[in-house]
């Protein structure tokens, strides 16, 4: 179960994330978005013997794995990483249809591995930047629908600006399209800065709305008690 994939996630998620959900993992810079998505997917796949895809538009596979190892996270045998580095070098002089390309990448891995159940896309910001701005809202609607039709439980990383007390700024349309939204952030207290995790939306799954502390230990990420 996904709620068992990160230590302490069952503190805030009282039921399993429904298969085929599209979940945004959103927050400011340095709030462990990639680490949370990777840990959720990799640990879940390891426990179930299934396959998943981590597609990164912003880093090479080597750079990404160095970052994950620094967080105490390891890659399960069922986790496959695809980076767009070589493709992006070819795209210098033309505008790619990145959503279509991502669908073709998913097709490749689904054909190769029978039990493909999880997708992580890192990140939506890069996808927005490389897509046609005039049609992006319609494209997002169809993209989210396609992921659901495939039956993939998808975690889409989105960097968002924050304001005072770690609150996310203006809500974006993709938040309404998603089945779930996991918010990450940081709050400054007299004893120092604390990272937090909060589930603000999860269709068909009961969850806490409180902010809980998120920490990095040698063996990965852990969710502790509420932050008041």
Protein backbone atom coordinates (compact mmCIF):
# COMPACT_ATOMS: atom_id res chain seq x y z
CA UNK A 1 0.00 0.00 0.00
CA UNK A 2 1.19 3.52 -0.71
CA UNK A 3 0.32 4.56 2.84
CA UNK A 4 2.96 2.06 4.03
CA UNK A 5 5.62 3.15 1.51
CA UNK A 6 6.85 6.13 3.58
CA UNK A 7 7.34 5.77 7.31
CA UNK A 8 4.57 7.66 9.12
CA UNK A 9 2.39 8.31 6.06
CA UNK A 10 -0.36 6.32 7.74
CA UNK A 11 -0.48 9.16 10.31
CA UNK A 12 -2.17 11.39 7.74
CA UNK A 13 -3.56 8.99 5.12
CA UNK A 14 -6.26 6.77 6.61
CA UNK A 15 -7.05 4.83 3.42
CA UNK A 16 -5.13 3.70 0.36
CA UNK A 17 -4.71 5.98 -2.65
CA UNK A 18 -7.10 4.51 -5.25
CA UNK A 19 -5.42 2.81 -8.19
CA UNK A 20 -5.36 5.05 -11.24
CA UNK A 21 -5.39 8.32 -9.29
CA UNK A 22 -3.52 11.38 -10.55
CA UNK A 23 -1.79 13.00 -7.56
CA UNK A 24 0.09 16.30 -7.54
CA UNK A 25 3.08 16.63 -5.22
CA UNK A 26 3.56 20.35 -4.94
CA UNK A 27 5.66 22.80 -2.97
CA UNK A 28 8.53 25.24 -3.03
CA UNK A 29 12.16 24.62 -3.82
CA UNK A 30 13.96 22.20 -1.50
CA UNK A 31 10.83 20.72 0.10
CA UNK A 32 11.65 17.10 -0.92
CA UNK A 33 9.09 16.75 -3.71
CA UNK A 34 11.26 14.44 -5.84
CA UNK A 35 12.34 12.44 -2.80
CA UNK A 36 8.79 11.88 -1.61
CA UNK A 37 7.57 10.83 -5.07
CA UNK A 38 10.54 8.53 -5.62
CA UNK A 39 10.27 6.95 -2.16
CA UNK A 40 6.52 6.39 -2.51
CA UNK A 41 6.85 4.76 -5.93
CA UNK A 42 10.01 2.72 -5.35
CA UNK A 43 8.98 1.27 -1.99
CA UNK A 44 5.47 0.48 -3.23
CA UNK A 45 6.81 -1.32 -6.30
CA UNK A 46 9.35 -3.28 -4.26
CA UNK A 47 6.62 -4.55 -1.93
CA UNK A 48 4.29 -5.60 -4.75
CA UNK A 49 6.73 -6.85 -7.38
CA UNK A 50 5.32 -4.47 -9.99
CA UNK A 51 6.88 -1.98 -12.41
CA UNK A 52 6.82 1.78 -12.59
CA UNK A 53 8.37 4.66 -14.51
CA UNK A 54 10.12 7.75 -13.14
CA UNK A 55 10.32 10.24 -16.04
CA UNK A 56 12.55 13.24 -15.34
CA UNK A 57 12.68 16.25 -17.64
CA UNK A 58 15.02 18.28 -15.46
CA UNK A 59 17.93 15.96 -14.58
CA UNK A 60 19.95 13.12 -16.01
CA UNK A 61 19.36 9.68 -14.50
CA UNK A 62 22.81 9.80 -12.88
CA UNK A 63 22.19 13.19 -11.26
CA UNK A 64 18.75 12.14 -10.04
CA UNK A 65 20.04 8.95 -8.44
CA UNK A 66 22.83 10.84 -6.68
CA UNK A 67 20.20 13.10 -5.14
CA UNK A 68 18.05 10.13 -4.07
CA UNK A 69 21.01 8.34 -2.47
CA UNK A 70 21.80 11.49 -0.48
CA UNK A 71 18.28 11.18 1.01
CA UNK A 72 18.80 7.53 1.96
CA UNK A 73 16.53 6.31 -0.85
CA UNK A 74 17.26 3.31 -3.06
CA UNK A 75 15.80 2.18 -6.38
CA UNK A 76 13.73 -1.00 -6.47
CA UNK A 77 14.17 -3.46 -9.34
CA UNK A 78 10.76 -2.51 -10.67
CA UNK A 79 11.52 1.21 -10.86
CA UNK A 80 12.66 2.36 -14.32
CA UNK A 81 14.10 5.82 -14.87
CA UNK A 82 13.83 7.71 -18.13
CA UNK A 83 15.42 11.10 -18.65
CA UNK A 84 14.77 13.40 -21.59
CA UNK A 85 18.35 14.68 -21.77
CA UNK A 86 19.24 13.39 -25.25
CA UNK A 87 15.81 14.33 -26.60
CA UNK A 88 16.04 17.87 -25.25
CA UNK A 89 19.35 18.43 -27.05
CA UNK A 90 17.62 17.43 -30.30
CA UNK A 91 14.74 19.84 -29.57
CA UNK A 92 16.86 23.01 -29.60
CA UNK A 93 15.51 24.24 -32.93
CA UNK A 94 11.91 23.05 -32.78
CA UNK A 95 8.91 22.95 -30.47
CA UNK A 96 8.21 19.39 -29.32
CA UNK A 97 4.82 17.92 -28.49
CA UNK A 98 6.01 16.91 -25.06
CA UNK A 99 2.71 15.43 -23.89
CA UNK A 100 2.57 13.20 -26.96
CA UNK A 101 6.21 12.23 -26.44
CA UNK A 102 5.56 11.34 -22.81
CA UNK A 103 2.68 9.11 -23.89
CA UNK A 104 4.98 7.33 -26.33
CA UNK A 105 7.56 6.80 -23.57
CA UNK A 106 4.88 5.28 -21.34
CA UNK A 107 3.79 3.05 -24.24
CA UNK A 108 7.34 1.74 -24.58
CA UNK A 109 7.61 0.75 -20.92
CA UNK A 110 4.10 -0.71 -20.80
CA UNK A 111 4.94 -2.91 -23.79
CA UNK A 112 8.17 -4.00 -22.12
CA UNK A 113 6.79 -4.68 -18.64
CA UNK A 114 3.45 -6.37 -18.07
CA UNK A 115 2.72 -5.01 -14.59
CA UNK A 116 3.23 -1.26 -15.10
CA UNK A 117 1.19 0.41 -12.37
CA UNK A 118 2.96 3.63 -11.31
CA UNK A 119 4.20 6.78 -13.04
CA UNK A 120 6.17 9.72 -11.63
CA UNK A 121 6.64 12.82 -13.82
CA UNK A 122 9.30 15.29 -12.70
CA UNK A 123 8.10 17.89 -13.36
CA UNK A 124 4.93 19.54 -14.61
CA UNK A 125 6.76 22.89 -14.62
CA UNK A 126 9.18 21.66 -17.28
CA UNK A 127 6.31 20.18 -19.26
CA UNK A 128 4.47 23.53 -19.13
CA UNK A 129 7.58 25.40 -20.24
CA UNK A 130 8.10 23.15 -23.27
CA UNK A 131 4.44 22.99 -24.30
CA UNK A 132 2.13 25.28 -26.27
CA UNK A 133 0.89 27.83 -23.74
CA UNK A 134 -2.28 28.54 -25.73
CA UNK A 135 -3.55 24.95 -25.40
CA UNK A 136 -1.93 23.81 -22.15
CA UNK A 137 -5.14 23.74 -20.07
CA UNK A 138 -6.97 21.58 -22.59
CA UNK A 139 -3.85 19.44 -23.02
CA UNK A 140 -3.61 18.92 -19.24
CA UNK A 141 -7.22 17.76 -19.08
CA UNK A 142 -6.64 15.15 -21.78
CA UNK A 143 -3.28 14.13 -20.31
CA UNK A 144 -4.75 13.53 -16.84
CA UNK A 145 -7.64 11.58 -18.40
CA UNK A 146 -5.22 9.43 -20.39
CA UNK A 147 -3.26 8.53 -17.27
CA UNK A 148 -6.46 7.44 -15.54
CA UNK A 149 -7.52 5.40 -18.58
CA UNK A 150 -4.18 3.58 -18.46
CA UNK A 151 -4.84 2.66 -14.83
CA UNK A 152 -1.54 4.21 -13.72
CA UNK A 153 -1.32 5.70 -10.25
CA UNK A 154 0.52 8.88 -11.21
CA UNK A 155 2.51 11.32 -9.08
CA UNK A 156 3.12 14.61 -10.90
CA UNK A 157 5.66 16.93 -9.31
CA UNK A 158 4.95 20.65 -9.49
CA UNK A 159 7.06 23.42 -7.98
CA UNK A 160 4.93 26.21 -6.54
CA UNK A 161 5.80 29.49 -4.90
CA UNK A 162 4.94 29.90 -1.24
CA UNK A 163 4.05 32.81 0.97
CA UNK A 164 4.10 33.40 4.72
CA UNK A 165 3.88 30.38 7.03
CA UNK A 166 4.48 28.01 4.13
CA UNK A 167 1.07 28.49 2.52
CA UNK A 168 0.92 27.82 -1.20
CA UNK A 169 0.10 30.78 -3.39
CA UNK A 170 -2.82 31.03 -5.84
CA UNK A 171 -4.39 27.68 -6.73
CA UNK A 172 -3.77 26.51 -10.29
CA UNK A 173 -6.23 24.71 -12.64
CA UNK A 174 -4.26 21.45 -12.43
CA UNK A 175 -5.09 21.25 -8.72
CA UNK A 176 -8.77 20.96 -9.65
CA UNK A 177 -8.07 18.35 -12.33
CA UNK A 178 -6.01 16.14 -10.01
CA UNK A 179 -7.52 13.42 -7.79
CA UNK A 180 -5.12 14.27 -5.00
CA UNK A 181 -2.81 17.09 -3.88
CA UNK A 182 0.06 16.54 -1.47
CA UNK A 183 1.55 19.84 -0.31
CA UNK A 184 5.14 20.11 0.93
CA UNK A 185 6.68 23.17 2.49
CA UNK A 186 8.84 24.66 5.21
CA UNK A 187 7.91 26.69 8.27
CA UNK A 188 10.35 28.83 10.25
CA UNK A 189 10.08 28.45 13.99
CA UNK A 190 12.23 29.77 16.85
CA UNK A 191 13.90 26.35 17.05
CA UNK A 192 14.68 26.36 13.33
CA UNK A 193 13.11 25.56 9.96
CA UNK A 194 10.86 22.50 9.76
CA UNK A 195 9.73 20.79 6.59
CA UNK A 196 6.10 19.70 6.51
CA UNK A 197 3.74 17.51 4.51
CA UNK A 198 -0.01 18.01 4.24
CA UNK A 199 -2.63 16.26 2.15
CA UNK A 200 -5.06 18.92 0.97
CA UNK A 201 -7.06 16.65 -1.35
CA UNK A 202 -7.42 12.91 -1.93
CA UNK A 203 -10.57 11.66 -3.60
CA UNK A 204 -12.11 8.48 -2.13
CA UNK A 205 -9.57 8.36 0.71
CA UNK A 206 -9.95 9.77 4.21
CA UNK A 207 -7.00 11.89 5.33
CA UNK A 208 -5.82 14.43 7.87
CA UNK A 209 -5.63 18.09 6.84
CA UNK A 210 -2.97 18.94 9.44
CA UNK A 211 0.64 19.71 8.64
CA UNK A 212 3.04 17.00 9.84
CA UNK A 213 6.79 17.25 10.07
CA UNK A 214 8.81 15.62 7.28
CA UNK A 215 12.42 14.67 8.06
CA UNK A 216 15.33 12.95 6.32
CA UNK A 217 17.09 10.13 8.14
CA UNK A 218 19.84 7.75 6.99
CA UNK A 219 17.21 5.24 5.90
CA UNK A 220 15.03 7.70 4.00
CA UNK A 221 12.08 9.99 4.68
CA UNK A 222 9.95 9.88 7.83
CA UNK A 223 6.72 11.66 8.72
CA UNK A 224 6.47 12.68 12.37
CA UNK A 225 3.77 14.37 14.41
CA UNK A 226 1.72 17.49 13.67
CA UNK A 227 3.31 20.95 13.51
CA UNK A 228 1.36 23.58 15.40
